Amino acid sequence: MQPTLSQQQLLDSINFCVIVPTYNNHKTLKKVLDSILDFTSNIIIVNDGSTDTTNEILKQYSELTQIHHPRNIGKGRALRNGFRKAIEMHFEYAITIDSDGQHFASDIPNFIEEIQKEPNSLLIGSRNMTQENVPKKSSFGNKFSNFWFKFETGIVLEDTQSGFRLYPLKLIPKQFYTNKFEFEIEVIVRSAWKGIVVKNIPIQILYDPAERVSHFRPFKDFTRISILNTVLVLNALLYIKPRDFFKRAKKKGFKKFFLEDILESSDSNFKKSAAIALGIFIGISPFWGFQTVLLFTFAALFRLNKVIAYLASNVSFPPFIPFVIYGSLKMGSYFVSNDAPLILDSSVTLDDIQKNATQYIVGSLILASVLALTFGLISYLLLTAFSSKNKTNIT
């Protein structure tokens, strides 16, 4: 399918190449390359140690840039080497397309048209995962990946696993840590963390069971992806989300940020006060080291304002910790049957606290519950009064 004159002008307006990673896809490789050549000859083929007839096929395309790995080292590494070569050749964008025949090169102009509307974006082709012949494991894996991508970045996508993408080469991270299928998750999450717009555009898809060969290993690769998501979630909770929170607050001004993003957010007064209660409970509870993870997990689960909950959780800010420990031990002394319940005074040592861990844990949970309910109720009453006052002033 040859591009129209207007499509050709569109293609010529952007400095891009197409990277084709391939591994043992001799049945479909020639058809894929020929279809891409209808739109551009700026093609970088990365042969990731194929053991079939791929090498013989690629001899027919000696005019194209080729990278050959002596052994199979993974799709992620193939893409990374393709990116490096594209940057050396001074391309601004790289479109990646799988060599298994599932993608249509005729969608390339759609990527170019979209990047003209929003330059420097990272575009991911969105497949119709409900159509005939789509493997159930692919559909499940995509939903799984979409969920964690939203959790890690706050961005909602319909397809995070499609290999048909457009990358802004100069903006994506320079260093990566993964080499196989999980790379395609790492690159979009970390690009989003850098502030790059990551979005879907619709593409066509073909799953032909007679020709398509998948090298995805369900157990090994799913395990790798799960480990990566665990690392990304921890990074998001412990660094990225707090960093972005303070950036937004500083940019807008803390007073304006507090008024607009917290007091006047679209959440109901009940949900705002519930977020405060959650923050207080997590902040005082004895889950040291896991408080931030638990906070954002439960805030996401119950759809509560994460900013409000995070602020409220700072009840355990270092200067307040002695008071939290004292209150927990004092509360625990009323409920734990010890011959000598521990009461905090100047003679108490860390060993004394460790020996009375049950008293502390029980006391902190009870104290956390009581204060969470108390501050939640007070917050609800104050927010309701504040809202009523604003309505009166408006009228």
Protein backbone atom coordinates (compact mmCIF):
# COMPACT_ATOMS: atom_id res chain seq x y z
CA MET A 1 0.00 0.00 0.00
CA GLN A 2 1.74 3.14 -1.22
CA PRO A 3 1.21 6.38 0.75
CA THR A 4 -0.77 9.17 -0.87
CA LEU A 5 0.96 12.42 -1.80
CA SER A 6 -0.35 14.14 1.33
CA GLN A 7 0.78 11.19 3.47
CA GLN A 8 4.24 11.30 1.89
CA GLN A 9 4.53 15.01 2.64
CA LEU A 10 3.49 14.24 6.22
CA LEU A 11 6.12 11.50 6.52
CA ASP A 12 8.81 13.76 5.11
CA SER A 13 8.02 16.46 7.67
CA ILE A 14 9.28 14.42 10.64
CA ASN A 15 12.79 13.07 11.20
CA PHE A 16 11.97 9.49 12.18
CA CYS A 17 13.06 5.91 11.65
CA VAL A 18 11.41 2.54 12.19
CA ILE A 19 13.10 -0.01 14.46
CA VAL A 20 12.22 -3.66 13.87
CA PRO A 21 13.42 -6.06 16.59
CA THR A 22 13.20 -9.65 15.38
CA TYR A 23 13.84 -13.11 16.75
CA ASN A 24 12.92 -16.26 14.80
CA ASN A 25 10.05 -14.64 12.88
CA HIS A 26 11.12 -15.83 9.42
CA LYS A 27 7.49 -16.53 8.40
CA THR A 28 6.46 -12.89 8.67
CA LEU A 29 9.68 -10.84 8.60
CA LYS A 30 9.84 -10.22 4.83
CA LYS A 31 6.20 -9.18 4.66
CA VAL A 32 6.69 -6.77 7.56
CA LEU A 33 9.81 -5.17 6.06
CA ASP A 34 8.24 -4.79 2.61
CA SER A 35 5.16 -3.13 4.11
CA ILE A 36 7.33 -0.63 6.04
CA LEU A 37 9.35 0.16 2.89
CA ASP A 38 6.16 1.47 1.33
CA PHE A 39 6.38 4.35 3.81
CA THR A 40 10.08 4.83 4.61
CA SER A 41 13.51 3.35 3.98
CA ASN A 42 14.78 4.65 7.33
CA ILE A 43 14.66 1.21 8.92
CA ILE A 44 16.89 -0.26 11.63
CA ILE A 45 16.58 -4.04 11.95
CA VAL A 46 17.83 -5.64 15.16
CA ASN A 47 18.31 -9.39 14.70
CA ASP A 48 18.36 -10.69 18.26
CA GLY A 49 20.29 -13.93 17.69
CA SER A 50 17.78 -15.65 15.39
CA THR A 51 18.46 -19.32 14.66
CA ASP A 52 15.98 -19.77 11.77
CA THR A 53 16.35 -18.39 8.22
CA THR A 54 16.26 -14.74 9.35
CA ASN A 55 19.90 -14.15 8.33
CA GLU A 56 19.21 -15.33 4.77
CA ILE A 57 16.13 -13.11 4.54
CA LEU A 58 18.04 -10.06 5.76
CA LYS A 59 20.68 -10.49 3.05
CA GLN A 60 17.98 -9.29 0.65
CA TYR A 61 17.84 -5.98 2.57
CA SER A 62 21.52 -5.06 2.67
CA GLU A 63 20.66 -1.41 1.99
CA LEU A 64 18.93 -1.19 5.38
CA THR A 65 20.74 -0.60 8.67
CA GLN A 66 21.13 -3.91 10.51
CA ILE A 67 22.31 -4.89 13.97
CA HIS A 68 23.05 -8.57 14.60
CA HIS A 69 23.32 -10.05 18.09
CA PRO A 70 25.41 -13.27 18.15
CA ARG A 71 22.91 -14.75 20.62
CA ASN A 72 19.42 -13.96 21.88
CA ILE A 73 19.65 -11.41 24.69
CA GLY A 74 16.06 -10.13 24.86
CA LYS A 75 13.66 -7.72 23.21
CA GLY A 76 14.52 -4.95 25.67
CA ARG A 77 18.19 -5.08 24.79
CA ALA A 78 17.32 -5.20 21.08
CA LEU A 79 15.23 -2.04 21.43
CA ARG A 80 17.89 -0.29 23.51
CA ASN A 81 20.55 -1.02 20.88
CA GLY A 82 18.12 0.15 18.20
CA PHE A 83 17.56 3.43 20.06
CA ARG A 84 21.30 3.94 20.44
CA LYS A 85 21.85 3.44 16.71
CA ALA A 86 18.95 5.76 15.83
CA ILE A 87 20.42 8.51 18.01
CA GLU A 88 23.82 8.01 16.36
CA MET A 89 22.08 8.48 13.00
CA HIS A 90 20.52 11.72 14.31
CA PHE A 91 16.88 10.64 14.18
CA GLU A 92 14.49 12.57 16.41
CA TYR A 93 11.82 9.89 16.73
CA ALA A 94 11.77 6.09 16.47
CA ILE A 95 8.72 4.01 15.67
CA THR A 96 9.01 0.41 16.86
CA ILE A 97 7.04 -2.33 15.15
CA ASP A 98 7.01 -6.05 15.93
CA SER A 99 8.13 -8.50 13.26
CA ASP A 100 5.45 -11.13 13.96
CA GLY A 101 2.99 -9.62 11.47
CA GLN A 102 0.41 -8.41 13.97
CA HIS A 103 0.87 -4.71 13.12
CA PHE A 104 0.00 -2.80 9.96
CA ALA A 105 2.63 -0.43 8.56
CA SER A 106 -0.24 1.58 7.10
CA ASP A 107 -0.75 2.97 10.63
CA ILE A 108 2.66 4.71 10.53
CA PRO A 109 1.21 7.96 9.08
CA ASN A 110 -1.24 8.06 12.01
CA PHE A 111 1.68 8.14 14.46
CA ILE A 112 3.34 10.94 12.49
CA GLU A 113 0.11 12.93 12.31
CA GLU A 114 -0.42 12.58 16.05
CA ILE A 115 3.15 13.57 16.96
CA GLN A 116 2.73 16.75 14.92
CA LYS A 117 -0.25 17.65 17.10
CA GLU A 118 1.63 16.96 20.33
CA PRO A 119 5.41 16.92 19.75
CA ASN A 120 7.72 15.00 22.10
CA SER A 121 4.99 12.61 23.22
CA LEU A 122 5.44 8.87 23.63
CA LEU A 123 2.70 7.19 21.61
CA ILE A 124 1.52 3.62 22.13
CA GLY A 125 -0.70 1.88 19.61
CA SER A 126 -3.94 0.76 21.24
CA ARG A 127 -5.15 -2.63 20.03
CA ASN A 128 -8.69 -3.99 20.05
CA MET A 129 -8.09 -6.82 22.52
CA THR A 130 -11.65 -8.15 22.17
CA GLN A 131 -11.41 -9.17 18.53
CA GLU A 132 -11.15 -12.72 17.24
CA ASN A 133 -7.98 -14.78 17.81
CA VAL A 134 -6.55 -12.48 20.49
CA PRO A 135 -5.00 -14.87 23.07
CA LYS A 136 -6.63 -14.70 26.50
CA LYS A 137 -3.22 -14.48 28.18
CA SER A 138 -2.47 -11.36 26.10
CA SER A 139 -5.75 -9.71 27.11
CA PHE A 140 -5.22 -10.54 30.80
CA GLY A 141 -1.58 -9.42 30.72
CA ASN A 142 -2.58 -6.11 29.17
CA LYS A 143 -5.23 -5.41 31.83
CA PHE A 144 -2.72 -6.33 34.54
CA SER A 145 -0.13 -3.98 33.06
CA ASN A 146 -2.66 -1.15 32.59
CA PHE A 147 -3.62 -1.31 36.27
CA TRP A 148 -0.06 -1.05 37.56
CA PHE A 149 0.85 1.67 35.05
CA LYS A 150 -2.05 3.78 36.36
CA PHE A 151 -1.00 3.10 39.96
CA GLU A 152 2.61 4.05 39.26
CA THR A 153 1.97 7.13 37.11
CA GLY A 154 -1.66 8.19 37.56
CA ILE A 155 -2.15 7.93 33.77
CA VAL A 156 -5.01 5.83 32.36
CA LEU A 157 -4.16 3.89 29.19
CA GLU A 158 -6.14 1.25 27.31
CA ASP A 159 -3.04 -0.59 26.07
CA THR A 160 0.41 -0.54 27.72
CA GLN A 161 1.85 -3.66 26.10
CA SER A 162 1.58 -2.95 22.40
CA GLY A 163 4.97 -3.03 20.66
CA PHE A 164 3.84 -0.54 17.98
CA ARG A 165 5.06 2.75 19.48
CA LEU A 166 6.65 6.10 18.75
CA TYR A 167 9.45 7.26 21.06
CA PRO A 168 10.94 10.76 21.39
CA LEU A 169 14.55 9.60 21.34
CA LYS A 170 16.17 12.63 22.98
CA LEU A 171 13.74 12.72 25.91
CA ILE A 172 13.36 9.14 27.11
CA PRO A 173 15.71 7.99 29.93
CA LYS A 174 19.29 7.31 28.90
CA GLN A 175 19.93 4.39 31.28
CA PHE A 176 17.70 1.33 31.73
CA TYR A 177 17.83 -1.73 33.98
CA THR A 178 15.84 -4.38 32.08
CA ASN A 179 16.63 -6.34 28.93
CA LYS A 180 13.63 -8.48 28.06
CA PHE A 181 9.86 -7.98 27.61
CA GLU A 182 9.59 -6.01 30.85
CA PHE A 183 11.66 -3.21 29.26
CA GLU A 184 8.57 -1.95 27.44
CA ILE A 185 6.95 -1.32 30.83
CA GLU A 186 10.03 0.27 32.37
CA VAL A 187 10.50 2.73 29.53
CA ILE A 188 6.95 4.10 29.56
CA VAL A 189 6.73 4.36 33.36
CA ARG A 190 10.06 6.13 33.72
CA SER A 191 9.29 8.37 30.72
CA ALA A 192 6.02 9.40 32.38
CA TRP A 193 7.94 10.14 35.60
CA LYS A 194 10.16 12.48 33.55
CA GLY A 195 7.06 14.43 32.48
CA ILE A 196 6.81 13.01 28.94
CA VAL A 197 3.21 12.76 27.73
CA VAL A 198 2.36 9.06 27.27
CA LYS A 199 -0.83 8.36 25.34
CA ASN A 200 -2.58 5.78 23.16
CA ILE A 201 -3.61 6.07 19.54
CA PRO A 202 -5.83 3.42 17.87
CA ILE A 203 -4.15 0.90 15.56
CA GLN A 204 -5.19 -2.13 13.55
CA ILE A 205 -4.20 -5.58 14.71
CA LEU A 206 -3.94 -9.03 13.15
CA TYR A 207 -3.50 -12.24 15.11
CA ASP A 208 -2.88 -15.08 12.66
CA PRO A 209 -2.35 -18.34 14.58
CA ALA A 210 -0.83 -19.95 11.45
CA GLU A 211 2.00 -17.40 11.15
CA ARG A 212 2.41 -15.57 14.43
CA VAL A 213 5.16 -16.83 16.76
CA SER A 214 5.22 -15.49 20.32
CA HIS A 215 8.38 -15.73 22.42
CA PHE A 216 6.67 -14.62 25.62
CA ARG A 217 7.31 -17.20 28.36
CA PRO A 218 4.33 -16.95 30.72
CA PHE A 219 6.03 -17.98 33.96
CA LYS A 220 9.51 -16.47 33.56
CA ASP A 221 8.45 -13.24 31.87
CA PHE A 222 5.41 -12.70 34.09
CA THR A 223 7.70 -13.14 37.11
CA ARG A 224 10.13 -10.58 35.70
CA ILE A 225 7.28 -8.14 35.05
CA SER A 226 5.92 -8.66 38.58
CA ILE A 227 9.35 -7.98 40.12
CA LEU A 228 9.73 -4.85 37.99
CA ASN A 229 6.29 -3.58 39.00
CA THR A 230 7.13 -4.17 42.66
CA VAL A 231 10.26 -2.02 42.30
CA LEU A 232 8.38 0.66 40.34
CA VAL A 233 5.53 0.79 42.87
CA LEU A 234 7.95 1.21 45.78
CA ASN A 235 9.81 3.92 43.89
CA ALA A 236 6.54 5.67 43.06
CA LEU A 237 5.29 5.58 46.64
CA LEU A 238 8.53 6.45 48.39
CA TYR A 239 9.96 9.02 45.97
CA ILE A 240 7.99 9.94 42.81
CA LYS A 241 4.59 10.75 44.36
CA PRO A 242 6.03 12.78 47.29
CA ARG A 243 8.37 14.55 44.83
CA ASP A 244 5.52 15.46 42.47
CA PHE A 245 3.36 16.55 45.40
CA PHE A 246 5.93 19.05 46.63
CA LYS A 247 6.66 20.21 43.07
CA ARG A 248 2.98 21.00 42.47
CA ALA A 249 2.66 22.70 45.84
CA LYS A 250 5.80 24.79 45.32
CA LYS A 251 4.87 25.77 41.78
CA LYS A 252 1.36 26.87 42.71
CA GLY A 253 2.26 28.27 46.10
CA PHE A 254 1.47 26.31 49.25
CA LYS A 255 -1.47 28.51 50.30
CA LYS A 256 -3.12 28.40 46.87
CA PHE A 257 -2.35 24.69 46.56
CA PHE A 258 -3.94 23.98 49.94
CA LEU A 259 -7.08 25.96 49.12
CA GLU A 260 -7.60 24.75 45.55
CA ASP A 261 -6.29 21.19 45.60
CA ILE A 262 -7.40 20.20 49.07
CA LEU A 263 -10.19 22.31 50.56
CA GLU A 264 -11.91 22.97 47.23
CA SER A 265 -11.20 19.66 45.50
CA SER A 266 -14.14 17.84 43.92
CA ASP A 267 -14.26 15.26 46.73
CA SER A 268 -17.16 15.35 49.14
CA ASN A 269 -16.54 16.55 52.70
CA PHE A 270 -17.02 12.99 53.89
CA LYS A 271 -14.30 11.67 51.56
CA LYS A 272 -11.94 14.49 52.56
CA SER A 273 -12.44 13.76 56.25
CA ALA A 274 -12.08 10.03 55.56
CA ALA A 275 -8.73 10.75 53.88
CA ILE A 276 -7.63 12.70 56.97
CA ALA A 277 -8.73 9.82 59.20
CA LEU A 278 -6.80 7.34 57.05
CA GLY A 279 -3.67 9.50 57.21
CA ILE A 280 -3.89 9.84 61.00
CA PHE A 281 -4.43 6.10 61.45
CA ILE A 282 -1.51 5.10 59.20
CA GLY A 283 0.74 7.78 60.69
CA ILE A 284 0.28 6.54 64.26
CA SER A 285 -0.05 2.81 63.61
CA PRO A 286 3.05 0.65 64.23
CA PHE A 287 3.79 -0.11 60.57
CA TRP A 288 7.14 1.67 60.55
CA GLY A 289 8.85 1.46 57.17
CA PHE A 290 5.63 0.56 55.37
CA GLN A 291 3.46 3.55 56.23
CA THR A 292 3.80 5.36 52.90
CA VAL A 293 3.17 2.17 50.91
CA LEU A 294 0.08 1.35 52.99
CA LEU A 295 -1.16 4.92 52.84
CA PHE A 296 -1.17 5.20 49.06
CA THR A 297 -2.44 1.64 48.63
CA PHE A 298 -5.50 2.18 50.83
CA ALA A 299 -6.07 5.69 49.46
CA ALA A 300 -6.16 4.23 45.94
CA LEU A 301 -8.31 1.30 47.05
CA PHE A 302 -10.96 3.52 48.69
CA ARG A 303 -10.56 6.34 46.12
CA LEU A 304 -9.56 8.88 48.75
CA ASN A 305 -7.59 12.09 48.21
CA LYS A 306 -3.95 10.97 48.38
CA VAL A 307 -2.67 14.50 49.04
CA ILE A 308 -4.90 14.98 52.07
CA ALA A 309 -4.09 11.51 53.41
CA TYR A 310 -0.35 12.07 52.94
CA LEU A 311 -0.45 15.40 54.76
CA ALA A 312 -2.43 13.92 57.65
CA SER A 313 0.00 10.99 57.96
CA ASN A 314 2.74 13.43 58.95
CA VAL A 315 1.41 13.24 62.46
CA SER A 316 4.39 10.88 62.79
CA PHE A 317 6.81 13.60 61.67
CA PRO A 318 10.09 13.07 63.63
CA PRO A 319 9.52 15.80 66.28
CA PHE A 320 6.16 14.20 67.13
CA ILE A 321 7.43 10.61 67.37
CA PRO A 322 8.22 10.73 71.14
CA PHE A 323 4.65 11.86 71.82
CA VAL A 324 3.23 9.13 69.56
CA ILE A 325 5.31 6.46 71.34
CA TYR A 326 4.36 7.80 74.77
CA GLY A 327 0.66 7.90 73.90
CA SER A 328 0.80 4.38 72.44
CA LEU A 329 2.52 2.94 75.52
CA LYS A 330 0.15 4.78 77.85
CA MET A 331 -2.90 3.54 75.95
CA GLY A 332 -1.50 0.00 75.78
CA SER A 333 -0.95 -0.08 79.54
CA TYR A 334 -4.74 -0.02 80.04
CA PHE A 335 -5.35 -3.06 77.83
CA VAL A 336 -2.28 -5.32 78.09
CA SER A 337 -2.04 -7.50 81.19
CA ASN A 338 1.55 -7.18 82.35
CA ASP A 339 2.88 -7.50 85.87
CA ALA A 340 4.55 -4.16 85.31
CA PRO A 341 3.07 -2.25 82.35
CA LEU A 342 5.64 0.09 80.86
CA ILE A 343 5.10 3.78 81.48
CA LEU A 344 7.43 6.06 79.56
CA ASP A 345 9.72 8.18 81.72
CA SER A 346 13.36 9.28 81.71
CA SER A 347 14.59 5.88 82.95
CA VAL A 348 13.10 3.88 80.06
CA THR A 349 15.55 2.33 77.58
CA LEU A 350 15.04 0.92 74.10
CA ASP A 351 15.37 -2.59 75.52
CA ASP A 352 12.42 -1.86 77.85
CA ILE A 353 10.28 -0.87 74.86
CA GLN A 354 11.30 -3.97 72.90
CA LYS A 355 10.35 -6.22 75.84
CA ASN A 356 6.94 -4.58 75.94
CA ALA A 357 6.29 -4.68 72.20
CA THR A 358 2.78 -6.07 72.66
CA GLN A 359 1.83 -3.16 74.92
CA TYR A 360 3.14 -0.71 72.32
CA ILE A 361 1.51 -2.39 69.28
CA VAL A 362 -1.90 -2.76 70.93
CA GLY A 363 -1.74 0.74 72.32
CA SER A 364 -0.71 2.32 69.03
CA LEU A 365 -3.50 0.59 67.11
CA ILE A 366 -6.09 1.72 69.64
CA LEU A 367 -4.65 5.24 69.78
CA ALA A 368 -4.53 5.38 65.96
CA SER A 369 -8.19 4.33 65.75
CA VAL A 370 -9.38 6.79 68.40
CA LEU A 371 -7.47 9.75 66.95
CA ALA A 372 -8.44 8.85 63.38
CA LEU A 373 -12.13 8.85 64.30
CA THR A 374 -11.76 12.02 66.36
CA PHE A 375 -9.89 14.03 63.74
CA GLY A 376 -12.06 12.61 60.98
CA LEU A 377 -15.21 13.82 62.77
CA ILE A 378 -13.73 17.23 63.62
CA SER A 379 -12.53 17.63 60.02
CA TYR A 380 -15.96 16.77 58.67
CA LEU A 381 -17.63 19.35 60.90
CA LEU A 382 -15.09 22.05 60.00
CA LEU A 383 -15.25 21.31 56.27
CA THR A 384 -19.05 21.37 56.37
CA ALA A 385 -19.01 24.70 58.18
CA PHE A 386 -16.42 26.07 55.72
CA SER A 387 -18.53 24.95 52.74
CA SER A 388 -21.68 26.50 54.23
CA LYS A 389 -19.85 29.79 54.84
CA ASN A 390 -18.62 29.87 51.23
CA LYS A 391 -22.13 29.24 49.90
CA THR A 392 -23.50 32.04 52.08
CA ASN A 393 -20.82 34.47 50.83
CA ILE A 394 -21.56 33.55 47.20
CA THR A 395 -25.29 34.16 47.58
